[in-house]
Amino acid sequence: MDDSVSSAVLAGRGVAAEIYGVIDLTSKIETRIGAIGLGQAIQFVANASVLGYDVRGAIVLYGEPGTPRLRSWDCERLWAQYGGALLQP
């Protein structure tokens, strides 16, 4: 992920996002998480392991078709870099 994508994500932190590929470790069922802000989606994926989810295969979709997808490692990097700024309006 390059700096232009990081900057675009920070600028669009409030756009609607959906998360696919999240596995609830208790039930072993895939859980789709949608209708949350991009910043919240990044926070969730970055911290999901402590909440009892496996997100190794997670993908965050947001914005217009063709917008780069975010994988779990992208979310971890973005959360480490921007933290709470992703949650601000």
Protein backbone atom coordinates (compact mmCIF):
# COMPACT_ATOMS: atom_id res chain seq x y z
CA MET A 1 0.00 0.00 0.00
CA ASP A 2 1.45 3.34 -0.99
CA ASP A 3 1.08 6.75 0.65
CA SER A 4 -1.56 7.91 -1.82
CA VAL A 5 -3.85 5.03 -0.82
CA SER A 6 -3.20 5.75 2.87
CA SER A 7 -4.07 9.41 2.37
CA ALA A 8 -7.21 8.52 0.40
CA VAL A 9 -8.33 6.14 3.16
CA LEU A 10 -7.81 8.81 5.82
CA ALA A 11 -9.74 11.34 3.75
CA GLY A 12 -12.59 8.87 3.16
CA ARG A 13 -12.70 7.42 6.67
CA GLY A 14 -16.43 8.12 6.98
CA VAL A 15 -17.60 6.45 3.77
CA ALA A 16 -19.67 3.28 4.03
CA ALA A 17 -17.70 0.04 4.19
CA GLU A 18 -18.39 -3.68 4.36
CA ILE A 19 -16.14 -6.41 5.71
CA TYR A 20 -16.10 -9.91 4.24
CA GLY A 21 -14.15 -12.96 5.37
CA VAL A 22 -14.46 -12.52 9.14
CA ILE A 23 -14.75 -15.82 11.01
CA ASP A 24 -16.34 -15.91 14.46
CA LEU A 25 -14.03 -18.29 16.36
CA THR A 26 -16.79 -19.35 18.75
CA SER A 27 -19.29 -20.49 16.12
CA LYS A 28 -16.77 -21.04 13.26
CA ILE A 29 -19.17 -19.18 10.96
CA GLU A 30 -18.28 -16.41 8.55
CA THR A 31 -19.76 -13.10 9.63
CA ARG A 32 -20.34 -10.26 7.19
CA ILE A 33 -20.09 -6.81 8.70
CA GLY A 34 -21.57 -3.96 6.73
CA ALA A 35 -22.98 -0.48 6.95
CA ILE A 36 -20.18 0.94 9.07
CA GLY A 37 -17.75 3.74 8.38
CA LEU A 38 -14.41 2.92 6.79
CA GLY A 39 -12.49 4.07 9.87
CA GLN A 40 -14.60 1.80 12.08
CA ALA A 41 -14.06 -1.11 9.67
CA ILE A 42 -10.29 -0.60 9.80
CA GLN A 43 -10.38 -0.44 13.60
CA PHE A 44 -12.48 -3.60 13.79
CA VAL A 45 -10.21 -5.63 11.51
CA ALA A 46 -7.04 -4.35 13.20
CA ASN A 47 -8.35 -5.40 16.62
CA ALA A 48 -10.59 -8.35 15.76
CA SER A 49 -8.32 -11.06 17.10
CA VAL A 50 -8.82 -9.85 20.69
CA LEU A 51 -12.58 -9.86 20.09
CA GLY A 52 -12.63 -13.53 19.07
CA TYR A 53 -12.54 -13.23 15.29
CA ASP A 54 -10.18 -14.57 12.64
CA VAL A 55 -9.61 -11.92 9.99
CA ARG A 56 -6.66 -13.39 8.12
CA GLY A 57 -8.85 -13.62 5.01
CA ALA A 58 -10.82 -10.43 5.60
CA ILE A 59 -11.40 -7.86 2.87
CA VAL A 60 -12.76 -4.35 3.45
CA LEU A 61 -14.75 -2.95 0.51
CA TYR A 62 -15.59 0.75 0.32
CA GLY A 63 -16.13 3.56 -2.15
CA GLU A 64 -16.74 3.25 -5.85
CA PRO A 65 -16.14 0.01 -7.77
CA GLY A 66 -12.45 -0.25 -8.56
CA THR A 67 -11.34 1.31 -5.27
CA PRO A 68 -8.49 -0.77 -3.82
CA ARG A 69 -9.63 -3.37 -1.31
CA LEU A 70 -8.07 -3.41 2.13
CA ARG A 71 -6.74 -6.68 3.54
CA SER A 72 -6.16 -7.38 7.23
CA TRP A 73 -2.48 -6.35 7.08
CA ASP A 74 -3.50 -3.07 5.40
CA CYS A 75 -5.93 -2.39 8.25
CA GLU A 76 -3.30 -3.17 10.87
CA ARG A 77 -0.84 -0.79 9.19
CA LEU A 78 -3.44 1.97 8.80
CA TRP A 79 -4.63 1.62 12.40
CA ALA A 80 -1.03 1.73 13.67
CA GLN A 81 -0.31 4.78 11.51
CA TYR A 82 -3.50 6.83 12.04
CA GLY A 83 -5.24 5.27 15.06
CA GLY A 84 -8.12 7.32 16.46
CA ALA A 85 -7.89 9.85 13.61
CA LEU A 86 -9.69 7.23 11.47
CA LEU A 87 -12.72 7.50 13.76
CA GLN A 88 -13.04 11.28 13.69
CA PRO A 89 -15.59 12.86 11.37
